[in-house]
Each structure stands twice: as C-alpha cells, then as structure tokens.
Amino acid sequence: MSRFRPKRAAVLAAVTVLSVAGLVGCSDKDGGTASSPGSTGPGAGKVGTGGPAQVATVDPDKVLARQTFKLRRTPEDTVEVGVVSLVVTGKVATLTLVMTPRFKSVPADMAVSVYDIYENGVFGPYLLDLANLKRYDVVRSGPKELASDSVHTETVNGTPMSAYAVFAAPQDGATEVDVHIADWWPAFKAVPVQR
C-alpha cells in the first residue's frame, strides 16, 4: 500500500456525513436575505424554511446489507462495506455506504483512505437496474464526480467511515437496483430505492 499516512487530527472517531437539511439565506450588503436567481429586490425569492444545515449521523451497525471483501494484492487486508441507504431526492439518488478497513498490513494508528481500499484506484460505485437494462454511473459536475473524495475520505484502521455517491434517480419505476462497489467484488443485490 502506498497511500497510508499517519493519523491526522482531522480524522474523526465518529462516523458522520454532512447533510443539508434546508437552504439558509445569506445576508447581502444591506442586511437583507440574498435573492434567488431571477428575483428582484432585497429579500425577494427567499428560500429555505428548514432552518440551519445539520449533521446527520450514520450508524455503522444499521445497514441494509453488509459484505466483507478481500483486497486483490494483499488478501490479508479486508474491508467491511455496508449499504446504509439509496435515497431519491428530486432527480438524483444518493448512495450512502459505511466502510471499515481491517488491514493487517498497517499499524492501528495509520490512516486508510478510500484510495487505499480501491488499491490505488478511484472510488467508483455504480447501480444496475437489471429489470430495465440500465446502468447508473456517478453524476459528474465538470471534471468532478459527485462522490466522496478517494484520497481525503479516510479513517484509521478498524474504524468505520462514511462514503457517498450521487446518481441520476433510477427510472421506469425501479424499486430496487444492484449496487456494485467495484467490478472485482460481488454486488449488493436488490437494494431498495427509497423515494
């Protein structure tokens, strides 16, 4: 493994993922609420009534399904992956995972990233809707994929971490899909699509 780094202060023991519970208006220079695009006047087109952003806790023990995978190059190193949810919001679906590296090849205080779990590769799960013969890849915004950063999403060995990926919402009334973490590992079959 070439990407292991000593534990940094930024590595948290608790597994959390940021979630925006609602949009919060920003103050403009006149003290009003910032307008939405196309609106006129201070405070016009106010958005958000849900209050401030919140942090959603991901419980690593509450998953829909869980599998343990061996790394190809170092089979003594494993990662436990749990599917927390696949939730549709508008036109997108967000897959939330929890990953726990259990690497015998590194000390307990060494950082392990998603990049390490993918054996120096990029995090790239995908969804398969076999009933409608459709594959859903991670949505891109310019050159950036809307997913957890492979290098900076990290934890210490044996400690769970959360990871996410955003896809176009499954179409054709799909109520379940297969979730593929990587081509070389078995899929999570019939994961429910929560709408």
N, C-alpha and C. Protein backbone atom coordinates (compact mmCIF):
# COMPACT_ATOMS: atom_id res chain seq x y z
N MET A 1 0.85 -1.18 0.00
CA MET A 1 0.00 0.00 0.00
C MET A 1 0.88 1.23 0.00
N SER A 2 0.60 2.17 -0.85
CA SER A 2 1.48 3.33 -0.95
C SER A 2 0.86 4.61 -0.41
N ARG A 3 -0.40 4.60 -0.04
CA ARG A 3 -1.06 5.84 0.33
C ARG A 3 -1.31 5.96 1.83
N PHE A 4 -0.76 5.10 2.66
CA PHE A 4 -1.01 5.18 4.09
C PHE A 4 -0.27 6.37 4.67
N ARG A 5 -0.93 7.11 5.54
CA ARG A 5 -0.35 8.26 6.20
C ARG A 5 -0.62 8.16 7.68
N PRO A 6 0.24 8.76 8.52
CA PRO A 6 -0.04 8.75 9.95
C PRO A 6 -1.36 9.42 10.25
N LYS A 7 -1.96 9.05 11.34
CA LYS A 7 -3.25 9.61 11.77
C LYS A 7 -3.12 11.12 11.89
N ARG A 8 -4.09 11.86 11.35
CA ARG A 8 -4.10 13.31 11.45
C ARG A 8 -5.23 13.73 12.36
N ALA A 9 -5.14 14.96 12.83
CA ALA A 9 -6.16 15.47 13.75
C ALA A 9 -7.52 15.51 13.10
N ALA A 10 -7.54 15.60 11.76
CA ALA A 10 -8.83 15.71 11.06
C ALA A 10 -9.58 14.40 11.02
N VAL A 11 -8.93 13.29 11.34
CA VAL A 11 -9.62 12.00 11.32
C VAL A 11 -10.49 11.90 12.56
N LEU A 12 -11.77 11.72 12.38
CA LEU A 12 -12.71 11.67 13.49
C LEU A 12 -13.05 10.23 13.83
N ALA A 13 -13.22 9.97 15.10
CA ALA A 13 -13.63 8.63 15.52
C ALA A 13 -15.09 8.39 15.19
N ALA A 14 -15.91 9.42 15.29
CA ALA A 14 -17.33 9.26 14.98
C ALA A 14 -17.52 9.26 13.48
N VAL A 15 -18.47 8.47 13.01
CA VAL A 15 -18.76 8.41 11.60
C VAL A 15 -19.89 9.38 11.31
N THR A 16 -19.57 10.41 10.53
CA THR A 16 -20.61 11.38 10.21
C THR A 16 -20.51 11.74 8.74
N VAL A 17 -21.59 12.22 8.22
CA VAL A 17 -21.62 12.73 6.85
C VAL A 17 -22.47 13.98 6.88
N LEU A 18 -22.00 15.01 6.18
CA LEU A 18 -22.75 16.26 6.17
C LEU A 18 -24.00 16.13 5.32
N SER A 19 -25.06 16.72 5.83
CA SER A 19 -26.33 16.69 5.11
C SER A 19 -26.98 18.05 5.25
N VAL A 20 -27.43 18.59 4.14
CA VAL A 20 -28.10 19.88 4.20
C VAL A 20 -29.58 19.64 4.44
N ALA A 21 -30.07 20.10 5.57
CA ALA A 21 -31.47 19.90 5.93
C ALA A 21 -32.35 20.94 5.29
N GLY A 22 -31.80 22.05 4.93
CA GLY A 22 -32.58 23.11 4.29
C GLY A 22 -31.64 24.19 3.82
N LEU A 23 -32.11 25.04 2.92
CA LEU A 23 -31.29 26.13 2.44
C LEU A 23 -31.39 27.29 3.40
N VAL A 24 -30.27 27.96 3.63
CA VAL A 24 -30.24 29.08 4.54
C VAL A 24 -29.93 30.32 3.74
N GLY A 25 -30.71 31.37 3.93
CA GLY A 25 -30.47 32.63 3.22
C GLY A 25 -29.20 33.28 3.71
N CYS A 26 -28.46 33.92 2.78
CA CYS A 26 -27.25 34.64 3.13
C CYS A 26 -27.57 36.12 3.19
N SER A 27 -26.89 36.82 4.07
CA SER A 27 -27.13 38.26 4.17
C SER A 27 -26.40 38.97 3.05
N ASP A 28 -27.10 39.95 2.42
CA ASP A 28 -26.43 40.76 1.43
C ASP A 28 -25.85 41.98 2.12
N LYS A 29 -25.24 42.90 1.36
CA LYS A 29 -24.56 44.04 1.98
C LYS A 29 -25.51 44.97 2.69
N ASP A 30 -26.81 44.92 2.36
CA ASP A 30 -27.80 45.78 3.01
C ASP A 30 -28.46 45.09 4.19
N GLY A 31 -28.03 43.88 4.52
CA GLY A 31 -28.59 43.18 5.66
C GLY A 31 -29.83 42.36 5.33
N GLY A 32 -30.26 42.34 4.05
CA GLY A 32 -31.42 41.55 3.65
C GLY A 32 -31.00 40.14 3.32
N THR A 33 -31.97 39.31 3.00
CA THR A 33 -31.67 37.94 2.60
C THR A 33 -31.34 37.92 1.13
N ALA A 34 -30.32 37.20 0.76
CA ALA A 34 -29.89 37.14 -0.63
C ALA A 34 -31.02 36.60 -1.50
N SER A 35 -31.14 37.16 -2.69
CA SER A 35 -32.20 36.77 -3.61
C SER A 35 -31.80 35.55 -4.40
N SER A 36 -32.78 34.79 -4.83
CA SER A 36 -32.51 33.67 -5.71
C SER A 36 -32.37 34.18 -7.13
N PRO A 37 -31.75 33.42 -8.04
CA PRO A 37 -31.57 33.88 -9.41
C PRO A 37 -32.90 34.24 -10.04
N GLY A 38 -32.91 35.38 -10.73
CA GLY A 38 -34.10 35.80 -11.45
C GLY A 38 -35.06 36.60 -10.60
N SER A 39 -34.81 36.76 -9.30
CA SER A 39 -35.70 37.53 -8.46
C SER A 39 -35.24 38.98 -8.41
N THR A 40 -36.07 39.85 -7.89
CA THR A 40 -35.70 41.25 -7.84
C THR A 40 -35.89 41.79 -6.44
N GLY A 41 -35.04 42.75 -6.07
CA GLY A 41 -35.17 43.43 -4.78
C GLY A 41 -34.58 42.63 -3.65
N PRO A 42 -34.21 43.35 -2.56
CA PRO A 42 -33.64 42.65 -1.41
C PRO A 42 -34.64 41.70 -0.78
N GLY A 43 -34.20 40.50 -0.53
CA GLY A 43 -35.04 39.52 0.13
C GLY A 43 -36.05 38.86 -0.78
N ALA A 44 -36.13 39.25 -2.06
CA ALA A 44 -37.09 38.63 -2.96
C ALA A 44 -36.69 37.20 -3.23
N GLY A 45 -37.65 36.33 -3.33
CA GLY A 45 -37.37 34.92 -3.65
C GLY A 45 -36.65 34.21 -2.53
N LYS A 46 -37.01 34.51 -1.28
CA LYS A 46 -36.37 33.85 -0.15
C LYS A 46 -36.55 32.33 -0.28
N VAL A 47 -35.51 31.62 0.08
CA VAL A 47 -35.58 30.17 0.00
C VAL A 47 -35.24 29.57 1.35
N GLY A 48 -35.70 28.36 1.55
CA GLY A 48 -35.34 27.62 2.75
C GLY A 48 -36.19 27.97 3.95
N THR A 49 -36.84 26.98 4.50
CA THR A 49 -37.61 27.17 5.73
C THR A 49 -37.25 26.10 6.74
N GLY A 50 -36.27 25.27 6.41
CA GLY A 50 -35.95 24.14 7.26
C GLY A 50 -34.96 24.44 8.36
N GLY A 51 -34.49 25.68 8.45
CA GLY A 51 -33.53 26.00 9.48
C GLY A 51 -32.11 25.80 8.99
N PRO A 52 -31.16 25.85 9.90
CA PRO A 52 -29.76 25.74 9.50
C PRO A 52 -29.39 24.32 9.06
N ALA A 53 -28.25 24.23 8.38
CA ALA A 53 -27.74 22.92 7.98
C ALA A 53 -27.47 22.08 9.22
N GLN A 54 -27.54 20.78 9.06
CA GLN A 54 -27.35 19.88 10.19
C GLN A 54 -26.39 18.77 9.80
N VAL A 55 -25.88 18.09 10.78
CA VAL A 55 -25.01 16.94 10.55
C VAL A 55 -25.82 15.68 10.83
N ALA A 56 -25.87 14.79 9.85
CA ALA A 56 -26.60 13.54 10.01
C ALA A 56 -25.61 12.45 10.41
N THR A 57 -25.92 11.74 11.45
CA THR A 57 -25.05 10.66 11.92
C THR A 57 -25.38 9.37 11.18
N VAL A 58 -24.35 8.69 10.75
CA VAL A 58 -24.52 7.39 10.10
C VAL A 58 -24.14 6.32 11.11
N ASP A 59 -25.08 5.45 11.41
CA ASP A 59 -24.83 4.37 12.37
C ASP A 59 -24.26 3.17 11.61
N PRO A 60 -23.00 2.81 11.84
CA PRO A 60 -22.39 1.71 11.09
C PRO A 60 -23.03 0.36 11.35
N ASP A 61 -23.83 0.26 12.41
CA ASP A 61 -24.49 -1.02 12.71
C ASP A 61 -25.85 -1.15 12.04
N LYS A 62 -26.40 -0.04 11.54
CA LYS A 62 -27.72 -0.07 10.90
C LYS A 62 -27.56 0.05 9.39
N VAL A 63 -27.41 -1.09 8.75
CA VAL A 63 -27.22 -1.12 7.31
C VAL A 63 -28.23 -2.07 6.68
N LEU A 64 -28.50 -1.87 5.40
CA LEU A 64 -29.42 -2.74 4.67
C LEU A 64 -28.76 -4.09 4.36
N ALA A 65 -27.47 -4.04 4.09
CA ALA A 65 -26.71 -5.25 3.78
C ALA A 65 -25.24 -4.96 4.04
N ARG A 66 -24.48 -6.04 4.29
CA ARG A 66 -23.07 -5.88 4.64
C ARG A 66 -22.28 -7.03 4.01
N GLN A 67 -21.09 -6.71 3.49
CA GLN A 67 -20.20 -7.74 2.96
C GLN A 67 -18.77 -7.40 3.36
N THR A 68 -17.94 -8.42 3.47
CA THR A 68 -16.51 -8.22 3.71
C THR A 68 -15.77 -8.66 2.46
N PHE A 69 -14.90 -7.76 1.96
CA PHE A 69 -14.16 -8.02 0.73
C PHE A 69 -12.67 -8.11 1.04
N LYS A 70 -11.97 -8.99 0.33
CA LYS A 70 -10.51 -9.08 0.41
C LYS A 70 -9.91 -8.20 -0.68
N LEU A 71 -8.81 -7.55 -0.35
CA LEU A 71 -8.08 -6.82 -1.38
C LEU A 71 -7.37 -7.82 -2.29
N ARG A 72 -7.23 -7.45 -3.53
CA ARG A 72 -6.64 -8.38 -4.50
C ARG A 72 -5.14 -8.56 -4.30
N ARG A 73 -4.43 -7.47 -4.03
CA ARG A 73 -2.97 -7.55 -3.91
C ARG A 73 -2.52 -8.05 -2.55
N THR A 74 -3.31 -7.75 -1.52
CA THR A 74 -2.95 -8.16 -0.16
C THR A 74 -4.18 -8.78 0.48
N PRO A 75 -4.44 -10.06 0.20
CA PRO A 75 -5.67 -10.71 0.67
C PRO A 75 -5.82 -10.77 2.18
N GLU A 76 -4.73 -10.54 2.92
CA GLU A 76 -4.86 -10.49 4.38
C GLU A 76 -5.55 -9.20 4.83
N ASP A 77 -5.62 -8.22 3.93
CA ASP A 77 -6.32 -6.96 4.22
C ASP A 77 -7.75 -7.06 3.70
N THR A 78 -8.71 -6.69 4.55
CA THR A 78 -10.12 -6.75 4.15
C THR A 78 -10.79 -5.42 4.44
N VAL A 79 -11.93 -5.22 3.83
CA VAL A 79 -12.77 -4.05 4.12
C VAL A 79 -14.20 -4.54 4.25
N GLU A 80 -14.85 -4.13 5.31
CA GLU A 80 -16.27 -4.43 5.50
C GLU A 80 -17.06 -3.24 4.96
N VAL A 81 -17.96 -3.50 4.03
CA VAL A 81 -18.76 -2.44 3.41
C VAL A 81 -20.23 -2.70 3.72
N GLY A 82 -20.91 -1.68 4.20
CA GLY A 82 -22.35 -1.76 4.46
C GLY A 82 -23.08 -0.72 3.65
N VAL A 83 -24.20 -1.11 3.06
CA VAL A 83 -25.06 -0.16 2.36
C VAL A 83 -26.04 0.41 3.38
N VAL A 84 -25.94 1.72 3.62
CA VAL A 84 -26.82 2.38 4.58
C VAL A 84 -28.15 2.72 3.92
N SER A 85 -28.09 3.34 2.73
CA SER A 85 -29.33 3.74 2.05
C SER A 85 -29.06 4.14 0.61
N LEU A 86 -30.12 4.13 -0.18
CA LEU A 86 -30.13 4.67 -1.54
C LEU A 86 -31.41 5.50 -1.62
N VAL A 87 -31.27 6.82 -1.48
CA VAL A 87 -32.43 7.70 -1.31
C VAL A 87 -32.55 8.64 -2.50
N VAL A 88 -33.74 8.67 -3.10
CA VAL A 88 -34.03 9.59 -4.22
C VAL A 88 -34.54 10.90 -3.66
N THR A 89 -33.94 11.99 -4.14
CA THR A 89 -34.39 13.34 -3.84
C THR A 89 -34.44 14.08 -5.17
N GLY A 90 -35.64 14.36 -5.65
CA GLY A 90 -35.76 15.03 -6.95
C GLY A 90 -35.24 14.15 -8.07
N LYS A 91 -34.26 14.66 -8.81
CA LYS A 91 -33.73 13.94 -9.97
C LYS A 91 -32.51 13.09 -9.66
N VAL A 92 -32.08 13.07 -8.40
CA VAL A 92 -30.88 12.31 -8.06
C VAL A 92 -31.15 11.29 -6.96
N ALA A 93 -30.26 10.32 -6.89
CA ALA A 93 -30.29 9.31 -5.82
C ALA A 93 -28.93 9.30 -5.15
N THR A 94 -28.93 9.34 -3.82
CA THR A 94 -27.68 9.34 -3.07
C THR A 94 -27.49 8.00 -2.38
N LEU A 95 -26.38 7.36 -2.70
CA LEU A 95 -25.99 6.11 -2.07
C LEU A 95 -25.08 6.44 -0.89
N THR A 96 -25.43 5.95 0.29
CA THR A 96 -24.59 6.14 1.47
C THR A 96 -24.07 4.78 1.91
N LEU A 97 -22.76 4.72 2.08
CA LEU A 97 -22.08 3.49 2.48
C LEU A 97 -21.34 3.73 3.79
N VAL A 98 -21.02 2.66 4.48
CA VAL A 98 -20.08 2.73 5.60
C VAL A 98 -19.01 1.68 5.33
N MET A 99 -17.75 2.11 5.43
CA MET A 99 -16.62 1.23 5.13
C MET A 99 -15.72 1.12 6.36
N THR A 100 -15.34 -0.11 6.69
CA THR A 100 -14.44 -0.34 7.81
C THR A 100 -13.25 -1.14 7.32
N PRO A 101 -12.09 -0.48 7.15
CA PRO A 101 -10.89 -1.23 6.74
C PRO A 101 -10.34 -2.05 7.90
N ARG A 102 -9.98 -3.28 7.61
CA ARG A 102 -9.34 -4.14 8.61
C ARG A 102 -8.07 -4.69 7.95
N PHE A 103 -7.07 -3.83 7.92
CA PHE A 103 -5.82 -4.12 7.21
C PHE A 103 -4.79 -4.65 8.20
N LYS A 104 -4.35 -5.89 7.99
CA LYS A 104 -3.31 -6.46 8.83
C LYS A 104 -1.93 -5.92 8.46
N SER A 105 -1.83 -5.32 7.28
CA SER A 105 -0.53 -4.85 6.79
C SER A 105 -0.13 -3.48 7.32
N VAL A 106 -0.99 -2.83 8.10
CA VAL A 106 -0.66 -1.50 8.60
C VAL A 106 -0.92 -1.40 10.10
N PRO A 107 -0.22 -0.50 10.78
CA PRO A 107 -0.47 -0.32 12.21
C PRO A 107 -1.84 0.31 12.47
N ALA A 108 -2.31 0.18 13.69
CA ALA A 108 -3.63 0.68 14.06
C ALA A 108 -3.74 2.19 13.96
N ASP A 109 -2.62 2.93 14.08
CA ASP A 109 -2.71 4.39 14.06
C ASP A 109 -2.46 4.99 12.68
N MET A 110 -2.42 4.15 11.66
CA MET A 110 -2.21 4.65 10.30
C MET A 110 -3.55 4.95 9.63
N ALA A 111 -3.57 6.05 8.86
CA ALA A 111 -4.77 6.42 8.12
C ALA A 111 -4.94 5.50 6.92
N VAL A 112 -6.19 5.11 6.66
CA VAL A 112 -6.54 4.30 5.49
C VAL A 112 -7.61 5.08 4.73
N SER A 113 -7.37 5.34 3.47
CA SER A 113 -8.32 6.11 2.65
C SER A 113 -9.10 5.20 1.72
N VAL A 114 -10.12 5.76 1.09
CA VAL A 114 -10.87 5.03 0.07
C VAL A 114 -9.92 4.65 -1.07
N TYR A 115 -8.97 5.50 -1.38
CA TYR A 115 -7.96 5.22 -2.40
C TYR A 115 -7.19 3.94 -2.06
N ASP A 116 -6.85 3.77 -0.79
CA ASP A 116 -6.16 2.56 -0.35
C ASP A 116 -7.06 1.34 -0.48
N ILE A 117 -8.32 1.49 -0.11
CA ILE A 117 -9.28 0.39 -0.19
C ILE A 117 -9.44 -0.07 -1.65
N TYR A 118 -9.41 0.90 -2.57
CA TYR A 118 -9.51 0.58 -4.00
C TYR A 118 -8.15 0.24 -4.61
N GLU A 119 -7.17 -0.01 -3.76
CA GLU A 119 -5.82 -0.40 -4.20
C GLU A 119 -5.26 0.59 -5.21
N ASN A 120 -5.16 1.83 -4.73
CA ASN A 120 -4.66 2.95 -5.52
C ASN A 120 -5.57 3.27 -6.71
N GLY A 121 -6.87 3.17 -6.48
CA GLY A 121 -7.85 3.48 -7.51
C GLY A 121 -8.88 4.48 -7.03
N VAL A 122 -9.72 4.91 -7.95
CA VAL A 122 -10.73 5.92 -7.67
C VAL A 122 -12.04 5.26 -7.25
N PHE A 123 -12.68 5.84 -6.26
CA PHE A 123 -13.99 5.38 -5.78
C PHE A 123 -15.00 5.53 -6.91
N GLY A 124 -15.57 4.42 -7.34
CA GLY A 124 -16.49 4.48 -8.48
C GLY A 124 -17.58 3.43 -8.45
N PRO A 125 -18.46 3.48 -7.42
CA PRO A 125 -19.57 2.52 -7.42
C PRO A 125 -20.54 2.82 -8.57
N TYR A 126 -21.37 1.86 -8.90
CA TYR A 126 -22.42 2.09 -9.90
C TYR A 126 -23.63 1.24 -9.56
N LEU A 127 -24.76 1.60 -10.16
CA LEU A 127 -26.03 0.91 -9.93
C LEU A 127 -26.43 0.19 -11.20
N LEU A 128 -27.00 -1.01 -11.05
CA LEU A 128 -27.55 -1.74 -12.20
C LEU A 128 -29.02 -2.03 -11.96
N ASP A 129 -29.85 -1.59 -12.90
CA ASP A 129 -31.27 -1.92 -12.90
C ASP A 129 -31.45 -3.01 -13.95
N LEU A 130 -31.37 -4.26 -13.52
CA LEU A 130 -31.42 -5.38 -14.46
C LEU A 130 -32.81 -5.55 -15.07
N ALA A 131 -33.86 -5.14 -14.36
CA ALA A 131 -35.21 -5.27 -14.90
C ALA A 131 -35.40 -4.39 -16.13
N ASN A 132 -34.75 -3.23 -16.14
CA ASN A 132 -34.90 -2.28 -17.25
C ASN A 132 -33.61 -2.12 -18.06
N LEU A 133 -32.62 -2.98 -17.78
CA LEU A 133 -31.35 -2.99 -18.50
C LEU A 133 -30.70 -1.60 -18.54
N LYS A 134 -30.52 -1.01 -17.33
CA LYS A 134 -29.90 0.31 -17.25
C LYS A 134 -28.79 0.30 -16.20
N ARG A 135 -27.73 1.02 -16.54
CA ARG A 135 -26.62 1.22 -15.60
C ARG A 135 -26.57 2.72 -15.25
N TYR A 136 -26.36 3.00 -13.96
CA TYR A 136 -26.26 4.38 -13.49
C TYR A 136 -24.87 4.59 -12.89
N ASP A 137 -24.12 5.50 -13.51
CA ASP A 137 -22.79 5.85 -13.01
C ASP A 137 -22.88 7.13 -12.18
N VAL A 138 -21.83 7.41 -11.42
CA VAL A 138 -21.80 8.59 -10.58
C VAL A 138 -21.94 9.84 -11.45
N VAL A 139 -22.78 10.77 -11.00
CA VAL A 139 -23.01 12.03 -11.73
C VAL A 139 -21.73 12.86 -11.69
N ARG A 140 -21.46 13.55 -12.79
CA ARG A 140 -20.29 14.43 -12.88
C ARG A 140 -20.75 15.88 -12.93
N SER A 141 -19.96 16.74 -12.34
CA SER A 141 -20.14 18.19 -12.46
C SER A 141 -18.82 18.73 -12.98
N GLY A 142 -18.74 18.92 -14.30
CA GLY A 142 -17.46 19.24 -14.93
C GLY A 142 -16.56 18.03 -14.79
N PRO A 143 -15.32 18.24 -14.35
CA PRO A 143 -14.40 17.10 -14.21
C PRO A 143 -14.59 16.33 -12.90
N LYS A 144 -15.38 16.87 -11.98
CA LYS A 144 -15.52 16.27 -10.64
C LYS A 144 -16.73 15.37 -10.56
N GLU A 145 -16.51 14.16 -10.02
CA GLU A 145 -17.63 13.27 -9.75
C GLU A 145 -18.26 13.66 -8.42
N LEU A 146 -19.59 13.57 -8.33
CA LEU A 146 -20.29 13.89 -7.10
C LEU A 146 -20.27 12.66 -6.20
N ALA A 147 -19.15 12.51 -5.52
CA ALA A 147 -18.93 11.35 -4.66
C ALA A 147 -17.84 11.71 -3.66
N SER A 148 -17.69 10.88 -2.65
CA SER A 148 -16.62 11.08 -1.67
C SER A 148 -15.28 11.11 -2.37
N ASP A 149 -14.41 11.98 -1.90
CA ASP A 149 -13.06 12.08 -2.44
C ASP A 149 -12.27 10.83 -2.08
N SER A 150 -11.65 10.22 -3.06
CA SER A 150 -10.94 8.96 -2.83
C SER A 150 -9.77 9.10 -1.87
N VAL A 151 -9.02 10.19 -1.97
CA VAL A 151 -7.81 10.35 -1.17
C VAL A 151 -8.12 10.91 0.22
N HIS A 152 -9.02 11.89 0.28
CA HIS A 152 -9.26 12.59 1.55
C HIS A 152 -10.37 11.99 2.40
N THR A 153 -11.08 11.01 1.89
CA THR A 153 -12.04 10.28 2.72
C THR A 153 -11.27 9.14 3.36
N GLU A 154 -10.98 9.31 4.66
CA GLU A 154 -10.10 8.35 5.31
C GLU A 154 -10.50 8.15 6.77
N THR A 155 -9.93 7.10 7.32
CA THR A 155 -10.17 6.74 8.72
C THR A 155 -8.92 6.03 9.22
N VAL A 156 -8.96 5.58 10.45
CA VAL A 156 -7.85 4.74 10.92
C VAL A 156 -8.29 3.29 10.84
N ASN A 157 -7.34 2.44 10.75
CA ASN A 157 -7.58 1.01 10.58
C ASN A 157 -8.54 0.50 11.66
N GLY A 158 -9.61 -0.17 11.21
CA GLY A 158 -10.58 -0.74 12.13
C GLY A 158 -11.70 0.18 12.55
N THR A 159 -11.68 1.43 12.05
CA THR A 159 -12.72 2.41 12.42
C THR A 159 -13.60 2.71 11.21
N PRO A 160 -14.94 2.64 11.36
CA PRO A 160 -15.84 2.89 10.23
C PRO A 160 -15.74 4.32 9.71
N MET A 161 -15.98 4.49 8.42
CA MET A 161 -16.10 5.82 7.81
C MET A 161 -17.25 5.77 6.81
N SER A 162 -17.86 6.92 6.62
CA SER A 162 -18.97 7.04 5.68
C SER A 162 -18.46 7.51 4.33
N ALA A 163 -19.10 7.03 3.27
CA ALA A 163 -18.80 7.47 1.91
C ALA A 163 -20.13 7.58 1.16
N TYR A 164 -20.16 8.48 0.16
CA TYR A 164 -21.41 8.67 -0.59
C TYR A 164 -21.10 8.78 -2.07
N ALA A 165 -22.14 8.55 -2.89
CA ALA A 165 -22.06 8.76 -4.33
C ALA A 165 -23.45 9.16 -4.81
N VAL A 166 -23.49 10.07 -5.79
CA VAL A 166 -24.75 10.59 -6.31
C VAL A 166 -24.95 10.10 -7.74
N PHE A 167 -26.16 9.62 -8.03
CA PHE A 167 -26.51 9.09 -9.34
C PHE A 167 -27.78 9.76 -9.84
N ALA A 168 -28.05 9.67 -11.14
CA ALA A 168 -29.38 10.03 -11.62
C ALA A 168 -30.37 9.08 -10.98
N ALA A 169 -31.53 9.60 -10.61
CA ALA A 169 -32.54 8.76 -9.95
C ALA A 169 -32.96 7.63 -10.89
N PRO A 170 -32.99 6.39 -10.41
CA PRO A 170 -33.44 5.28 -11.25
C PRO A 170 -34.84 5.53 -11.82
N GLN A 171 -35.00 5.22 -13.10
CA GLN A 171 -36.25 5.50 -13.81
C GLN A 171 -37.07 4.23 -13.98
N ASP A 172 -38.16 4.37 -14.75
CA ASP A 172 -39.02 3.25 -15.12
C ASP A 172 -39.64 2.55 -13.92
N GLY A 173 -39.85 3.32 -12.85
CA GLY A 173 -40.50 2.75 -11.67
C GLY A 173 -39.65 1.76 -10.90
N ALA A 174 -38.35 1.81 -11.09
CA ALA A 174 -37.47 0.86 -10.40
C ALA A 174 -37.60 1.02 -8.89
N THR A 175 -37.83 -0.07 -8.21
CA THR A 175 -37.95 -0.06 -6.75
C THR A 175 -36.72 -0.67 -6.08
N GLU A 176 -35.86 -1.32 -6.87
CA GLU A 176 -34.63 -1.88 -6.34
C GLU A 176 -33.60 -1.96 -7.45
N VAL A 177 -32.33 -1.90 -7.06
CA VAL A 177 -31.22 -1.99 -8.01
C VAL A 177 -30.10 -2.80 -7.35
N ASP A 178 -29.17 -3.26 -8.17
CA ASP A 178 -27.97 -3.88 -7.64
C ASP A 178 -26.91 -2.80 -7.49
N VAL A 179 -26.21 -2.80 -6.36
CA VAL A 179 -25.16 -1.82 -6.09
C VAL A 179 -23.82 -2.52 -6.23
N HIS A 180 -22.99 -2.01 -7.15
CA HIS A 180 -21.66 -2.55 -7.38
C HIS A 180 -20.64 -1.58 -6.79
N ILE A 181 -19.88 -2.04 -5.80
CA ILE A 181 -18.84 -1.22 -5.20
C ILE A 181 -17.63 -1.18 -6.12
N ALA A 182 -17.32 -2.31 -6.72
CA ALA A 182 -16.23 -2.44 -7.70
C ALA A 182 -16.51 -3.68 -8.54
N ASP A 183 -15.98 -3.68 -9.76
CA ASP A 183 -16.21 -4.81 -10.67
C ASP A 183 -15.67 -6.12 -10.12
N TRP A 184 -14.65 -6.06 -9.31
CA TRP A 184 -13.99 -7.29 -8.84
C TRP A 184 -14.59 -7.84 -7.54
N TRP A 185 -15.61 -7.18 -6.99
CA TRP A 185 -16.28 -7.67 -5.79
C TRP A 185 -17.73 -8.00 -6.09
N PRO A 186 -18.33 -8.94 -5.37
CA PRO A 186 -19.74 -9.26 -5.59
C PRO A 186 -20.64 -8.05 -5.31
N ALA A 187 -21.73 -7.97 -6.06
CA ALA A 187 -22.67 -6.85 -5.91
C ALA A 187 -23.55 -7.04 -4.68
N PHE A 188 -24.11 -5.93 -4.21
CA PHE A 188 -25.22 -5.95 -3.26
C PHE A 188 -26.48 -6.05 -4.11
N LYS A 189 -27.22 -7.13 -3.95
CA LYS A 189 -28.37 -7.39 -4.83
C LYS A 189 -29.66 -6.81 -4.23
N ALA A 190 -30.53 -6.32 -5.11
CA ALA A 190 -31.89 -5.87 -4.76
C ALA A 190 -31.90 -4.86 -3.61
N VAL A 191 -31.06 -3.83 -3.73
CA VAL A 191 -31.06 -2.75 -2.74
C VAL A 191 -32.28 -1.87 -2.98
N PRO A 192 -33.11 -1.62 -1.97
CA PRO A 192 -34.32 -0.82 -2.20
C PRO A 192 -34.01 0.63 -2.53
N VAL A 193 -34.78 1.16 -3.47
CA VAL A 193 -34.70 2.58 -3.83
C VAL A 193 -35.73 3.31 -2.99
N GLN A 194 -35.30 4.16 -2.10
CA GLN A 194 -36.22 4.88 -1.20
C GLN A 194 -36.62 6.20 -1.86
N ARG A 195 -37.93 6.35 -2.07
CA ARG A 195 -38.44 7.57 -2.74
C ARG A 195 -39.29 8.37 -1.78
